[in-house]
Amino acid sequence: MKLKLNVKHILVITMIVIILIALYKQYTKCNCTKCSKHEKHTSCKNIVFYGRDSCPYCLKMKKQMKQDGTFEQCKFVDTSKPAGNSEFKKVCEQKQHKGGVPYFVNECNGKSAVGYMAKSDLFQKLGL
């Protein structure tokens, strides 16, 4: 049995291939403007950890993250210092966050998480 392809068949196949390529690129693309490599990634250096050393949950979270090697992936902002507090207040206004710490923001996708939690829960909430 011989398969005959006419112009319509070729156009349909071409369109399907173009759509699949576009979907693949959209799925693998990172929306981050801060990354040098715009591909989807499972660990991002653009996670901001807002906290202070007077908070027992922040200390517990820092300890846990240092033990599992994820603290190095974060930028820690000390909210007890004036500059850190100012930055945190701006983020709270933008995100409509009430101001509790520990507070995490993934700058690549805008997702955030608050409170002490397991690494898997944190990364899931941050979209990693």
PDB file of N, CA and C in Angstrom:
ATOM      1  N   MET A   1       0.839  -1.174   0.000  1.00  0.00           N
ATOM      2  CA  MET A   1       0.000   0.000   0.000  1.00  0.00           C
ATOM      3  C   MET A   1       0.889   1.244   0.000  1.00  0.00           C
ATOM      4  N   LYS A   2       0.634   2.098  -0.929  1.00  0.00           N
ATOM      5  CA  LYS A   2       1.398   3.320  -1.058  1.00  0.00           C
ATOM      6  C   LYS A   2       0.611   4.477  -0.472  1.00  0.00           C
ATOM      7  N   LEU A   3       1.307   5.324   0.271  1.00  0.00           N
ATOM      8  CA  LEU A   3       0.665   6.481   0.891  1.00  0.00           C
ATOM      9  C   LEU A   3       0.887   7.690  -0.002  1.00  0.00           C
ATOM     10  N   LYS A   4      -0.203   8.342  -0.356  1.00  0.00           N
ATOM     11  CA  LYS A   4      -0.098   9.530  -1.186  1.00  0.00           C
ATOM     12  C   LYS A   4      -0.261  10.761  -0.305  1.00  0.00           C
ATOM     13  N   LEU A   5       0.677  11.661  -0.410  1.00  0.00           N
ATOM     14  CA  LEU A   5       0.616  12.915   0.322  1.00  0.00           C
ATOM     15  C   LEU A   5       0.387  14.043  -0.671  1.00  0.00           C
ATOM     16  N   ASN A   6      -0.652  14.790  -0.415  1.00  0.00           N
ATOM     17  CA  ASN A   6      -0.858  15.956  -1.265  1.00  0.00           C
ATOM     18  C   ASN A   6      -0.434  17.198  -0.490  1.00  0.00           C
ATOM     19  N   VAL A   7      -0.594  18.354  -1.069  1.00  0.00           N
ATOM     20  CA  VAL A   7      -0.159  19.612  -0.479  1.00  0.00           C
ATOM     21  C   VAL A   7      -0.860  19.859   0.852  1.00  0.00           C
ATOM     22  N   LYS A   8      -2.141  19.520   0.945  1.00  0.00           N
ATOM     23  CA  LYS A   8      -2.883  19.721   2.196  1.00  0.00           C
ATOM     24  C   LYS A   8      -2.278  18.902   3.327  1.00  0.00           C
ATOM     25  N   HIS A   9      -1.949  17.656   3.065  1.00  0.00           N
ATOM     26  CA  HIS A   9      -1.349  16.795   4.081  1.00  0.00           C
ATOM     27  C   HIS A   9      -0.005  17.371   4.545  1.00  0.00           C
ATOM     28  N   ILE A  10       0.786  17.816   3.611  1.00  0.00           N
ATOM     29  CA  ILE A  10       2.096  18.367   3.954  1.00  0.00           C
ATOM     30  C   ILE A  10       1.943  19.636   4.793  1.00  0.00           C
ATOM     31  N   LEU A  11       0.980  20.482   4.446  1.00  0.00           N
ATOM     32  CA  LEU A  11       0.737  21.701   5.230  1.00  0.00           C
ATOM     33  C   LEU A  11       0.274  21.374   6.651  1.00  0.00           C
ATOM     34  N   VAL A  12      -0.605  20.410   6.783  1.00  0.00           N
ATOM     35  CA  VAL A  12      -1.099  20.020   8.108  1.00  0.00           C
ATOM     36  C   VAL A  12       0.044  19.474   8.955  1.00  0.00           C
ATOM     37  N   ILE A  13       0.855  18.618   8.391  1.00  0.00           N
ATOM     38  CA  ILE A  13       1.994  18.044   9.115  1.00  0.00           C
ATOM     39  C   ILE A  13       2.971  19.149   9.508  1.00  0.00           C
ATOM     40  N   THR A  14       3.243  20.081   8.619  1.00  0.00           N
ATOM     41  CA  THR A  14       4.142  21.195   8.907  1.00  0.00           C
ATOM     42  C   THR A  14       3.602  22.041  10.054  1.00  0.00           C
ATOM     43  N   MET A  15       2.310  22.343  10.027  1.00  0.00           N
ATOM     44  CA  MET A  15       1.690  23.141  11.093  1.00  0.00           C
ATOM     45  C   MET A  15       1.775  22.417  12.448  1.00  0.00           C
ATOM     46  N   ILE A  16       1.547  21.123  12.433  1.00  0.00           N
ATOM     47  CA  ILE A  16       1.626  20.339  13.679  1.00  0.00           C
ATOM     48  C   ILE A  16       3.049  20.385  14.233  1.00  0.00           C
ATOM     49  N   VAL A  17       4.030  20.245  13.383  1.00  0.00           N
ATOM     50  CA  VAL A  17       5.429  20.297  13.816  1.00  0.00           C
ATOM     51  C   VAL A  17       5.758  21.674  14.383  1.00  0.00           C
ATOM     52  N   ILE A  18       5.304  22.729  13.733  1.00  0.00           N
ATOM     53  CA  ILE A  18       5.554  24.093  14.215  1.00  0.00           C
ATOM     54  C   ILE A  18       4.907  24.304  15.579  1.00  0.00           C
ATOM     55  N   ILE A  19       3.691  23.844  15.756  1.00  0.00           N
ATOM     56  CA  ILE A  19       2.986  23.984  17.038  1.00  0.00           C
ATOM     57  C   ILE A  19       3.710  23.203  18.133  1.00  0.00           C
ATOM     58  N   LEU A  20       4.152  21.999  17.830  1.00  0.00           N
ATOM     59  CA  LEU A  20       4.867  21.195  18.823  1.00  0.00           C
ATOM     60  C   LEU A  20       6.187  21.857  19.223  1.00  0.00           C
ATOM     61  N   ILE A  21       6.888  22.426  18.267  1.00  0.00           N
ATOM     62  CA  ILE A  21       8.143  23.125  18.580  1.00  0.00           C
ATOM     63  C   ILE A  21       7.861  24.338  19.462  1.00  0.00           C
ATOM     64  N   ALA A  22       6.821  25.094  19.140  1.00  0.00           N
ATOM     65  CA  ALA A  22       6.468  26.277  19.940  1.00  0.00           C
ATOM     66  C   ALA A  22       6.092  25.875  21.362  1.00  0.00           C
ATOM     67  N   LEU A  23       5.328  24.797  21.513  1.00  0.00           N
ATOM     68  CA  LEU A  23       4.950  24.327  22.846  1.00  0.00           C
ATOM     69  C   LEU A  23       6.171  23.872  23.628  1.00  0.00           C
ATOM     70  N   TYR A  24       7.077  23.181  22.975  1.00  0.00           N
ATOM     71  CA  TYR A  24       8.292  22.730  23.642  1.00  0.00           C
ATOM     72  C   TYR A  24       9.118  23.922  24.124  1.00  0.00           C
ATOM     73  N   LYS A  25       9.267  24.939  23.277  1.00  0.00           N
ATOM     74  CA  LYS A  25      10.038  26.119  23.665  1.00  0.00           C
ATOM     75  C   LYS A  25       9.376  26.854  24.818  1.00  0.00           C
ATOM     76  N   GLN A  26       8.050  26.938  24.798  1.00  0.00           N
ATOM     77  CA  GLN A  26       7.336  27.606  25.893  1.00  0.00           C
ATOM     78  C   GLN A  26       7.509  26.836  27.194  1.00  0.00           C
ATOM     79  N   TYR A  27       7.458  25.509  27.127  1.00  0.00           N
ATOM     80  CA  TYR A  27       7.581  24.683  28.323  1.00  0.00           C
ATOM     81  C   TYR A  27       8.970  24.775  28.928  1.00  0.00           C
ATOM     82  N   THR A  28       9.992  24.845  28.103  1.00  0.00           N
ATOM     83  CA  THR A  28      11.358  24.840  28.613  1.00  0.00           C
ATOM     84  C   THR A  28      11.900  26.232  28.879  1.00  0.00           C
ATOM     85  N   LYS A  29      11.164  27.258  28.513  1.00  0.00           N
ATOM     86  CA  LYS A  29      11.662  28.619  28.700  1.00  0.00           C
ATOM     87  C   LYS A  29      11.383  29.109  30.112  1.00  0.00           C
ATOM     88  N   CYS A  30      12.354  29.768  30.676  1.00  0.00           N
ATOM     89  CA  CYS A  30      12.208  30.410  31.980  1.00  0.00           C
ATOM     90  C   CYS A  30      11.751  31.839  31.746  1.00  0.00           C
ATOM     91  N   ASN A  31      10.823  32.316  32.545  1.00  0.00           N
ATOM     92  CA  ASN A  31      10.334  33.683  32.413  1.00  0.00           C
ATOM     93  C   ASN A  31      11.195  34.676  33.184  1.00  0.00           C
ATOM     94  N   CYS A  32      12.293  34.202  33.673  1.00  0.00           N
ATOM     95  CA  CYS A  32      13.166  35.029  34.495  1.00  0.00           C
ATOM     96  C   CYS A  32      13.946  36.016  33.638  1.00  0.00           C
ATOM     97  N   THR A  33      14.003  37.241  34.087  1.00  0.00           N
ATOM     98  CA  THR A  33      14.807  38.237  33.380  1.00  0.00           C
ATOM     99  C   THR A  33      16.193  38.330  33.998  1.00  0.00           C
ATOM    100  N   LYS A  34      16.431  37.599  35.087  1.00  0.00           N
ATOM    101  CA  LYS A  34      17.700  37.687  35.790  1.00  0.00           C
ATOM    102  C   LYS A  34      18.649  36.545  35.422  1.00  0.00           C
ATOM    103  N   CYS A  35      18.125  35.500  34.823  1.00  0.00           N
ATOM    104  CA  CYS A  35      18.967  34.355  34.478  1.00  0.00           C
ATOM    105  C   CYS A  35      19.725  34.628  33.186  1.00  0.00           C
ATOM    106  N   SER A  36      20.941  34.134  33.127  1.00  0.00           N
ATOM    107  CA  SER A  36      21.696  34.264  31.890  1.00  0.00           C
ATOM    108  C   SER A  36      21.290  33.159  30.917  1.00  0.00           C
ATOM    109  N   LYS A  37      20.762  32.070  31.445  1.00  0.00           N
ATOM    110  CA  LYS A  37      20.349  30.945  30.618  1.00  0.00           C
ATOM    111  C   LYS A  37      18.830  30.834  30.719  1.00  0.00           C
ATOM    112  N   HIS A  38      18.133  31.147  29.673  1.00  0.00           N
ATOM    113  CA  HIS A  38      16.673  31.168  29.724  1.00  0.00           C
ATOM    114  C   HIS A  38      16.076  29.809  29.390  1.00  0.00           C
ATOM    115  N   GLU A  39      16.315  28.863  30.259  1.00  0.00           N
ATOM    116  CA  GLU A  39      15.705  27.549  30.162  1.00  0.00           C
ATOM    117  C   GLU A  39      15.129  27.220  31.517  1.00  0.00           C
ATOM    118  N   LYS A  40      14.134  26.351  31.521  1.00  0.00           N
ATOM    119  CA  LYS A  40      13.536  25.950  32.789  1.00  0.00           C
ATOM    120  C   LYS A  40      14.599  25.221  33.602  1.00  0.00           C
ATOM    121  N   HIS A  41      14.647  25.501  34.891  1.00  0.00           N
ATOM    122  CA  HIS A  41      15.666  24.892  35.731  1.00  0.00           C
ATOM    123  C   HIS A  41      15.058  24.428  37.038  1.00  0.00           C
ATOM    124  N   THR A  42      15.718  23.476  37.665  1.00  0.00           N
ATOM    125  CA  THR A  42      15.211  22.940  38.924  1.00  0.00           C
ATOM    126  C   THR A  42      15.836  23.617  40.122  1.00  0.00           C
ATOM    127  N   SER A  43      16.875  24.350  39.921  1.00  0.00           N
ATOM    128  CA  SER A  43      17.432  25.141  41.013  1.00  0.00           C
ATOM    129  C   SER A  43      17.788  26.502  40.447  1.00  0.00           C
ATOM    130  N   CYS A  44      17.411  27.513  41.159  1.00  0.00           N
ATOM    131  CA  CYS A  44      17.590  28.868  40.652  1.00  0.00           C
ATOM    132  C   CYS A  44      18.344  29.688  41.675  1.00  0.00           C
ATOM    133  N   LYS A  45      19.308  30.416  41.243  1.00  0.00           N
ATOM    134  CA  LYS A  45      20.090  31.273  42.136  1.00  0.00           C
ATOM    135  C   LYS A  45      19.334  32.545  42.495  1.00  0.00           C
ATOM    136  N   ASN A  46      18.120  32.690  42.022  1.00  0.00           N
ATOM    137  CA  ASN A  46      17.360  33.910  42.254  1.00  0.00           C
ATOM    138  C   ASN A  46      16.252  33.719  43.288  1.00  0.00           C
ATOM    139  N   ILE A  47      16.514  32.919  44.293  1.00  0.00           N
ATOM    140  CA  ILE A  47      15.593  32.763  45.412  1.00  0.00           C
ATOM    141  C   ILE A  47      16.046  33.730  46.500  1.00  0.00           C
ATOM    142  N   VAL A  48      15.114  34.554  46.970  1.00  0.00           N
ATOM    143  CA  VAL A  48      15.430  35.494  48.031  1.00  0.00           C
ATOM    144  C   VAL A  48      14.774  34.999  49.308  1.00  0.00           C
ATOM    145  N   PHE A  49      15.560  34.899  50.360  1.00  0.00           N
ATOM    146  CA  PHE A  49      15.120  34.441  51.675  1.00  0.00           C
ATOM    147  C   PHE A  49      15.132  35.662  52.586  1.00  0.00           C
ATOM    148  N   TYR A  50      13.944  36.134  52.948  1.00  0.00           N
ATOM    149  CA  TYR A  50      13.825  37.257  53.881  1.00  0.00           C
ATOM    150  C   TYR A  50      13.661  36.683  55.288  1.00  0.00           C
ATOM    151  N   GLY A  51      14.490  37.126  56.191  1.00  0.00           N
ATOM    152  CA  GLY A  51      14.412  36.632  57.559  1.00  0.00           C
ATOM    153  C   GLY A  51      15.294  37.443  58.483  1.00  0.00           C
ATOM    154  N   ARG A  52      15.303  37.018  59.743  1.00  0.00           N
ATOM    155  CA  ARG A  52      16.149  37.680  60.747  1.00  0.00           C
ATOM    156  C   ARG A  52      16.596  36.634  61.757  1.00  0.00           C
ATOM    157  N   ASP A  53      17.753  36.857  62.357  1.00  0.00           N
ATOM    158  CA  ASP A  53      18.315  35.884  63.282  1.00  0.00           C
ATOM    159  C   ASP A  53      17.594  35.849  64.627  1.00  0.00           C
ATOM    160  N   SER A  54      16.725  36.801  64.906  1.00  0.00           N
ATOM    161  CA  SER A  54      15.947  36.766  66.144  1.00  0.00           C
ATOM    162  C   SER A  54      14.686  35.908  66.007  1.00  0.00           C
ATOM    163  N   CYS A  55      14.429  35.400  64.819  1.00  0.00           N
ATOM    164  CA  CYS A  55      13.253  34.552  64.568  1.00  0.00           C
ATOM    165  C   CYS A  55      13.663  33.079  64.642  1.00  0.00           C
ATOM    166  N   PRO A  56      13.086  32.304  65.561  1.00  0.00           N
ATOM    167  CA  PRO A  56      13.477  30.895  65.680  1.00  0.00           C
ATOM    168  C   PRO A  56      13.166  30.079  64.431  1.00  0.00           C
ATOM    169  N   TYR A  57      12.102  30.426  63.709  1.00  0.00           N
ATOM    170  CA  TYR A  57      11.769  29.687  62.487  1.00  0.00           C
ATOM    171  C   TYR A  57      12.750  30.001  61.362  1.00  0.00           C
ATOM    172  N   CYS A  58      13.224  31.247  61.313  1.00  0.00           N
ATOM    173  CA  CYS A  58      14.246  31.606  60.323  1.00  0.00           C
ATOM    174  C   CYS A  58      15.541  30.855  60.605  1.00  0.00           C
ATOM    175  N   LEU A  59      15.929  30.817  61.885  1.00  0.00           N
ATOM    176  CA  LEU A  59      17.151  30.092  62.254  1.00  0.00           C
ATOM    177  C   LEU A  59      17.029  28.606  61.929  1.00  0.00           C
ATOM    178  N   LYS A  60      15.870  28.038  62.214  1.00  0.00           N
ATOM    179  CA  LYS A  60      15.635  26.615  61.930  1.00  0.00           C
ATOM    180  C   LYS A  60      15.680  26.364  60.418  1.00  0.00           C
ATOM    181  N   MET A  61      15.099  27.271  59.657  1.00  0.00           N
ATOM    182  CA  MET A  61      15.085  27.135  58.202  1.00  0.00           C
ATOM    183  C   MET A  61      16.495  27.283  57.628  1.00  0.00           C
ATOM    184  N   LYS A  62      17.257  28.263  58.143  1.00  0.00           N
ATOM    185  CA  LYS A  62      18.639  28.442  57.686  1.00  0.00           C
ATOM    186  C   LYS A  62      19.463  27.189  57.967  1.00  0.00           C
ATOM    187  N   LYS A  63      19.316  26.637  59.173  1.00  0.00           N
ATOM    188  CA  LYS A  63      20.070  25.443  59.542  1.00  0.00           C
ATOM    189  C   LYS A  63      19.727  24.283  58.616  1.00  0.00           C
ATOM    190  N   GLN A  64      18.440  24.075  58.383  1.00  0.00           N
ATOM    191  CA  GLN A  64      17.994  22.987  57.503  1.00  0.00           C
ATOM    192  C   GLN A  64      18.531  23.174  56.090  1.00  0.00           C
ATOM    193  N   MET A  65      18.453  24.406  55.586  1.00  0.00           N
ATOM    194  CA  MET A  65      18.908  24.675  54.223  1.00  0.00           C
ATOM    195  C   MET A  65      20.417  24.534  54.087  1.00  0.00           C
ATOM    196  N   LYS A  66      21.166  24.893  55.118  1.00  0.00           N
ATOM    197  CA  LYS A  66      22.621  24.718  55.075  1.00  0.00           C
ATOM    198  C   LYS A  66      22.969  23.232  55.077  1.00  0.00           C
ATOM    199  N   GLN A  67      22.211  22.434  55.849  1.00  0.00           N
ATOM    200  CA  GLN A  67      22.473  20.996  55.912  1.00  0.00           C
ATOM    201  C   GLN A  67      22.209  20.317  54.573  1.00  0.00           C
ATOM    202  N   ASP A  68      21.148  20.732  53.876  1.00  0.00           N
ATOM    203  CA  ASP A  68      20.846  20.067  52.604  1.00  0.00           C
ATOM    204  C   ASP A  68      21.423  20.797  51.388  1.00  0.00           C
ATOM    205  N   GLY A  69      22.217  21.839  51.627  1.00  0.00           N
ATOM    206  CA  GLY A  69      22.935  22.506  50.542  1.00  0.00           C
ATOM    207  C   GLY A  69      22.114  23.469  49.704  1.00  0.00           C
ATOM    208  N   THR A  70      20.949  23.886  50.184  1.00  0.00           N
ATOM    209  CA  THR A  70      20.123  24.798  49.401  1.00  0.00           C
ATOM    210  C   THR A  70      20.291  26.253  49.800  1.00  0.00           C
ATOM    211  N   PHE A  71      20.927  26.512  50.938  1.00  0.00           N
ATOM    212  CA  PHE A  71      21.087  27.898  51.385  1.00  0.00           C
ATOM    213  C   PHE A  71      21.956  28.689  50.409  1.00  0.00           C
ATOM    214  N   GLU A  72      22.920  28.014  49.778  1.00  0.00           N
ATOM    215  CA  GLU A  72      23.807  28.675  48.829  1.00  0.00           C
ATOM    216  C   GLU A  72      23.063  29.132  47.587  1.00  0.00           C
ATOM    217  N   GLN A  73      21.880  28.576  47.340  1.00  0.00           N
ATOM    218  CA  GLN A  73      21.085  28.960  46.174  1.00  0.00           C
ATOM    219  C   GLN A  73      20.275  30.226  46.451  1.00  0.00           C
ATOM    220  N   CYS A  74      20.295  30.694  47.669  1.00  0.00           N
ATOM    221  CA  CYS A  74      19.468  31.839  48.059  1.00  0.00           C
ATOM    222  C   CYS A  74      20.294  33.093  48.297  1.00  0.00           C
ATOM    223  N   LYS A  75      19.602  34.195  48.164  1.00  0.00           N
ATOM    224  CA  LYS A  75      20.147  35.475  48.608  1.00  0.00           C
ATOM    225  C   LYS A  75      19.431  35.743  49.925  1.00  0.00           C
ATOM    226  N   PHE A  76      20.160  35.804  51.029  1.00  0.00           N
ATOM    227  CA  PHE A  76      19.545  36.052  52.334  1.00  0.00           C
ATOM    228  C   PHE A  76      19.485  37.550  52.580  1.00  0.00           C
ATOM    229  N   VAL A  77      18.306  38.050  52.911  1.00  0.00           N
ATOM    230  CA  VAL A  77      18.109  39.463  53.236  1.00  0.00           C
ATOM    231  C   VAL A  77      17.711  39.540  54.700  1.00  0.00           C
ATOM    232  N   ASP A  78      18.560  40.169  55.496  1.00  0.00           N
ATOM    233  CA  ASP A  78      18.319  40.320  56.929  1.00  0.00           C
ATOM    234  C   ASP A  78      17.349  41.476  57.152  1.00  0.00           C
ATOM    235  N   THR A  79      16.124  41.135  57.554  1.00  0.00           N
ATOM    236  CA  THR A  79      15.083  42.156  57.718  1.00  0.00           C
ATOM    237  C   THR A  79      15.239  42.948  59.018  1.00  0.00           C
ATOM    238  N   SER A  80      16.202  42.567  59.857  1.00  0.00           N
ATOM    239  CA  SER A  80      16.433  43.336  61.082  1.00  0.00           C
ATOM    240  C   SER A  80      17.337  44.547  60.813  1.00  0.00           C
ATOM    241  N   LYS A  81      17.950  44.587  59.642  1.00  0.00           N
ATOM    242  CA  LYS A  81      18.795  45.719  59.253  1.00  0.00           C
ATOM    243  C   LYS A  81      17.953  46.693  58.427  1.00  0.00           C
ATOM    244  N   PRO A  82      18.235  47.982  58.514  1.00  0.00           N
ATOM    245  CA  PRO A  82      17.412  48.982  57.818  1.00  0.00           C
ATOM    246  C   PRO A  82      17.261  48.734  56.309  1.00  0.00           C
ATOM    247  N   ALA A  83      18.348  48.421  55.632  1.00  0.00           N
ATOM    248  CA  ALA A  83      18.272  48.196  54.177  1.00  0.00           C
ATOM    249  C   ALA A  83      17.423  46.969  53.864  1.00  0.00           C
ATOM    250  N   GLY A  84      17.632  45.904  54.621  1.00  0.00           N
ATOM    251  CA  GLY A  84      16.858  44.681  54.418  1.00  0.00           C
ATOM    252  C   GLY A  84      15.390  44.879  54.731  1.00  0.00           C
ATOM    253  N   ASN A  85      15.116  45.622  55.794  1.00  0.00           N
ATOM    254  CA  ASN A  85      13.730  45.891  56.181  1.00  0.00           C
ATOM    255  C   ASN A  85      13.024  46.722  55.117  1.00  0.00           C
ATOM    256  N   SER A  86      13.718  47.690  54.567  1.00  0.00           N
ATOM    257  CA  SER A  86      13.152  48.530  53.516  1.00  0.00           C
ATOM    258  C   SER A  86      12.812  47.702  52.275  1.00  0.00           C
ATOM    259  N   GLU A  87      13.746  46.839  51.873  1.00  0.00           N
ATOM    260  CA  GLU A  87      13.520  45.962  50.715  1.00  0.00           C
ATOM    261  C   GLU A  87      12.342  45.028  50.983  1.00  0.00           C
ATOM    262  N   PHE A  88      12.290  44.480  52.197  1.00  0.00           N
ATOM    263  CA  PHE A  88      11.224  43.548  52.565  1.00  0.00           C
ATOM    264  C   PHE A  88       9.861  44.236  52.535  1.00  0.00           C
ATOM    265  N   LYS A  89       9.789  45.465  53.023  1.00  0.00           N
ATOM    266  CA  LYS A  89       8.521  46.207  53.014  1.00  0.00           C
ATOM    267  C   LYS A  89       8.021  46.426  51.588  1.00  0.00           C
ATOM    268  N   LYS A  90       8.938  46.726  50.673  1.00  0.00           N
ATOM    269  CA  LYS A  90       8.557  46.912  49.264  1.00  0.00           C
ATOM    270  C   LYS A  90       8.006  45.617  48.680  1.00  0.00           C
ATOM    271  N   VAL A  91       8.674  44.516  48.974  1.00  0.00           N
ATOM    272  CA  VAL A  91       8.221  43.217  48.467  1.00  0.00           C
ATOM    273  C   VAL A  91       6.861  42.865  49.063  1.00  0.00           C
ATOM    274  N   CYS A  92       6.680  43.147  50.355  1.00  0.00           N
ATOM    275  CA  CYS A  92       5.398  42.866  51.007  1.00  0.00           C
ATOM    276  C   CYS A  92       4.264  43.649  50.350  1.00  0.00           C
ATOM    277  N   GLU A  93       4.521  44.884  50.000  1.00  0.00           N
ATOM    278  CA  GLU A  93       3.500  45.688  49.316  1.00  0.00           C
ATOM    279  C   GLU A  93       3.178  45.105  47.951  1.00  0.00           C
ATOM    280  N   GLN A  94       4.209  44.737  47.202  1.00  0.00           N
ATOM    281  CA  GLN A  94       4.002  44.187  45.863  1.00  0.00           C
ATOM    282  C   GLN A  94       3.255  42.860  45.911  1.00  0.00           C
ATOM    283  N   LYS A  95       3.606  42.015  46.856  1.00  0.00           N
ATOM    284  CA  LYS A  95       3.042  40.669  46.938  1.00  0.00           C
ATOM    285  C   LYS A  95       1.807  40.599  47.833  1.00  0.00           C
ATOM    286  N   GLN A  96       1.455  41.718  48.454  1.00  0.00           N
ATOM    287  CA  GLN A  96       0.354  41.767  49.424  1.00  0.00           C
ATOM    288  C   GLN A  96       0.569  40.748  50.537  1.00  0.00           C
ATOM    289  N   HIS A  97       1.810  40.716  51.004  1.00  0.00           N
ATOM    290  CA  HIS A  97       2.221  39.824  52.088  1.00  0.00           C
ATOM    291  C   HIS A  97       2.161  40.601  53.392  1.00  0.00           C
ATOM    292  N   LYS A  98       1.713  39.962  54.444  1.00  0.00           N
ATOM    293  CA  LYS A  98       1.507  40.650  55.720  1.00  0.00           C
ATOM    294  C   LYS A  98       2.799  40.941  56.487  1.00  0.00           C
ATOM    295  N   GLY A  99       3.906  40.323  56.104  1.00  0.00           N
ATOM    296  CA  GLY A  99       5.184  40.680  56.719  1.00  0.00           C
ATOM    297  C   GLY A  99       5.833  39.609  57.572  1.00  0.00           C
ATOM    298  N   GLY A 100       5.308  38.395  57.570  1.00  0.00           N
ATOM    299  CA  GLY A 100       5.914  37.329  58.361  1.00  0.00           C
ATOM    300  C   GLY A 100       7.150  36.746  57.698  1.00  0.00           C
ATOM    301  N   VAL A 101       8.057  36.267  58.528  1.00  0.00           N
ATOM    302  CA  VAL A 101       9.272  35.604  58.053  1.00  0.00           C
ATOM    303  C   VAL A 101       9.354  34.229  58.708  1.00  0.00           C
ATOM    304  N   PRO A 102      10.057  33.303  58.132  1.00  0.00           N
ATOM    305  CA  PRO A 102      10.815  33.354  56.892  1.00  0.00           C
ATOM    306  C   PRO A 102       9.892  33.482  55.673  1.00  0.00           C
ATOM    307  N   TYR A 103      10.340  34.286  54.721  1.00  0.00           N
ATOM    308  CA  TYR A 103       9.576  34.545  53.505  1.00  0.00           C
ATOM    309  C   TYR A 103      10.512  34.365  52.325  1.00  0.00           C
ATOM    310  N   PHE A 104      10.066  33.618  51.345  1.00  0.00           N
ATOM    311  CA  PHE A 104      10.883  33.281  50.180  1.00  0.00           C
ATOM    312  C   PHE A 104      10.205  33.776  48.913  1.00  0.00           C
ATOM    313  N   VAL A 105      10.995  34.306  47.998  1.00  0.00           N
ATOM    314  CA  VAL A 105      10.488  34.732  46.698  1.00  0.00           C
ATOM    315  C   VAL A 105      11.402  34.163  45.620  1.00  0.00           C
ATOM    316  N   ASN A 106      10.808  33.516  44.647  1.00  0.00           N
ATOM    317  CA  ASN A 106      11.549  33.063  43.474  1.00  0.00           C
ATOM    318  C   ASN A 106      11.438  34.176  42.440  1.00  0.00           C
ATOM    319  N   GLU A 107      12.520  34.888  42.212  1.00  0.00           N
ATOM    320  CA  GLU A 107      12.506  36.018  41.293  1.00  0.00           C
ATOM    321  C   GLU A 107      12.354  35.593  39.837  1.00  0.00           C
ATOM    322  N   CYS A 108      12.545  34.310  39.548  1.00  0.00           N
ATOM    323  CA  CYS A 108      12.390  33.828  38.174  1.00  0.00           C
ATOM    324  C   CYS A 108      10.923  33.778  37.761  1.00  0.00           C
ATOM    325  N   ASN A 109      10.066  33.332  38.680  1.00  0.00           N
ATOM    326  CA  ASN A 109       8.662  33.176  38.308  1.00  0.00           C
ATOM    327  C   ASN A 109       7.696  33.958  39.197  1.00  0.00           C
ATOM    328  N   GLY A 110       8.207  34.638  40.216  1.00  0.00           N
ATOM    329  CA  GLY A 110       7.355  35.453  41.084  1.00  0.00           C
ATOM    330  C   GLY A 110       6.635  34.703  42.183  1.00  0.00           C
ATOM    331  N   LYS A 111       6.830  33.388  42.253  1.00  0.00           N
ATOM    332  CA  LYS A 111       6.148  32.611  43.294  1.00  0.00           C
ATOM    333  C   LYS A 111       6.818  32.839  44.638  1.00  0.00           C
ATOM    334  N   SER A 112       6.011  32.697  45.710  1.00  0.00           N
ATOM    335  CA  SER A 112       6.544  32.937  47.048  1.00  0.00           C
ATOM    336  C   SER A 112       6.046  31.886  48.020  1.00  0.00           C
ATOM    337  N   ALA A 113       6.709  31.824  49.169  1.00  0.00           N
ATOM    338  CA  ALA A 113       6.342  30.896  50.234  1.00  0.00           C
ATOM    339  C   ALA A 113       6.690  31.545  51.559  1.00  0.00           C
ATOM    340  N   VAL A 114       5.919  31.216  52.583  1.00  0.00           N
ATOM    341  CA  VAL A 114       6.169  31.788  53.904  1.00  0.00           C
ATOM    342  C   VAL A 114       6.150  30.681  54.945  1.00  0.00           C
ATOM    343  N   GLY A 115       7.071  30.804  55.913  1.00  0.00           N
ATOM    344  CA  GLY A 115       7.099  29.874  57.031  1.00  0.00           C
ATOM    345  C   GLY A 115       8.159  28.806  56.914  1.00  0.00           C
ATOM    346  N   TYR A 116       8.295  28.073  58.015  1.00  0.00           N
ATOM    347  CA  TYR A 116       9.236  26.950  58.059  1.00  0.00           C
ATOM    348  C   TYR A 116       8.591  25.754  57.390  1.00  0.00           C
ATOM    349  N   MET A 117       9.327  25.063  56.526  1.00  0.00           N
ATOM    350  CA  MET A 117       8.795  23.892  55.830  1.00  0.00           C
ATOM    351  C   MET A 117       9.938  23.035  55.308  1.00  0.00           C
ATOM    352  N   ALA A 118       9.597  21.844  54.897  1.00  0.00           N
ATOM    353  CA  ALA A 118      10.580  20.934  54.307  1.00  0.00           C
ATOM    354  C   ALA A 118      11.046  21.479  52.958  1.00  0.00           C
ATOM    355  N   LYS A 119      12.235  21.081  52.545  1.00  0.00           N
ATOM    356  CA  LYS A 119      12.814  21.522  51.276  1.00  0.00           C
ATOM    357  C   LYS A 119      11.878  21.204  50.112  1.00  0.00           C
ATOM    358  N   SER A 120      11.307  20.004  50.110  1.00  0.00           N
ATOM    359  CA  SER A 120      10.426  19.611  49.005  1.00  0.00           C
ATOM    360  C   SER A 120       9.205  20.522  48.926  1.00  0.00           C
ATOM    361  N   ASP A 121       8.629  20.875  50.074  1.00  0.00           N
ATOM    362  CA  ASP A 121       7.471  21.778  50.086  1.00  0.00           C
ATOM    363  C   ASP A 121       7.866  23.175  49.618  1.00  0.00           C
ATOM    364  N   LEU A 122       9.012  23.649  50.077  1.00  0.00           N
ATOM    365  CA  LEU A 122       9.485  24.974  49.699  1.00  0.00           C
ATOM    366  C   LEU A 122       9.696  25.039  48.187  1.00  0.00           C
ATOM    367  N   PHE A 123      10.413  24.064  47.628  1.00  0.00           N
ATOM    368  CA  PHE A 123      10.699  24.083  46.209  1.00  0.00           C
ATOM    369  C   PHE A 123       9.414  23.927  45.392  1.00  0.00           C
ATOM    370  N   GLN A 124       8.463  23.169  45.872  1.00  0.00           N
ATOM    371  CA  GLN A 124       7.193  23.019  45.166  1.00  0.00           C
ATOM    372  C   GLN A 124       6.448  24.366  45.147  1.00  0.00           C
ATOM    373  N   LYS A 125       6.397  25.038  46.280  1.00  0.00           N
ATOM    374  CA  LYS A 125       5.698  26.333  46.345  1.00  0.00           C
ATOM    375  C   LYS A 125       6.391  27.392  45.502  1.00  0.00           C
ATOM    376  N   LEU A 126       7.711  27.283  45.377  1.00  0.00           N
ATOM    377  CA  LEU A 126       8.463  28.254  44.587  1.00  0.00           C
ATOM    378  C   LEU A 126       8.514  27.871  43.102  1.00  0.00           C
ATOM    379  N   GLY A 127       7.899  26.759  42.757  1.00  0.00           N
ATOM    380  CA  GLY A 127       7.849  26.340  41.363  1.00  0.00           C
ATOM    381  C   GLY A 127       9.150  25.789  40.831  1.00  0.00           C
ATOM    382  N   LEU A 128       9.956  25.189  41.708  1.00  0.00           N
ATOM    383  CA  LEU A 128      11.243  24.622  41.273  1.00  0.00           C
ATOM    384  C   LEU A 128      11.155  23.119  41.157  1.00  0.00           C
TER     385      LEU A 128
END
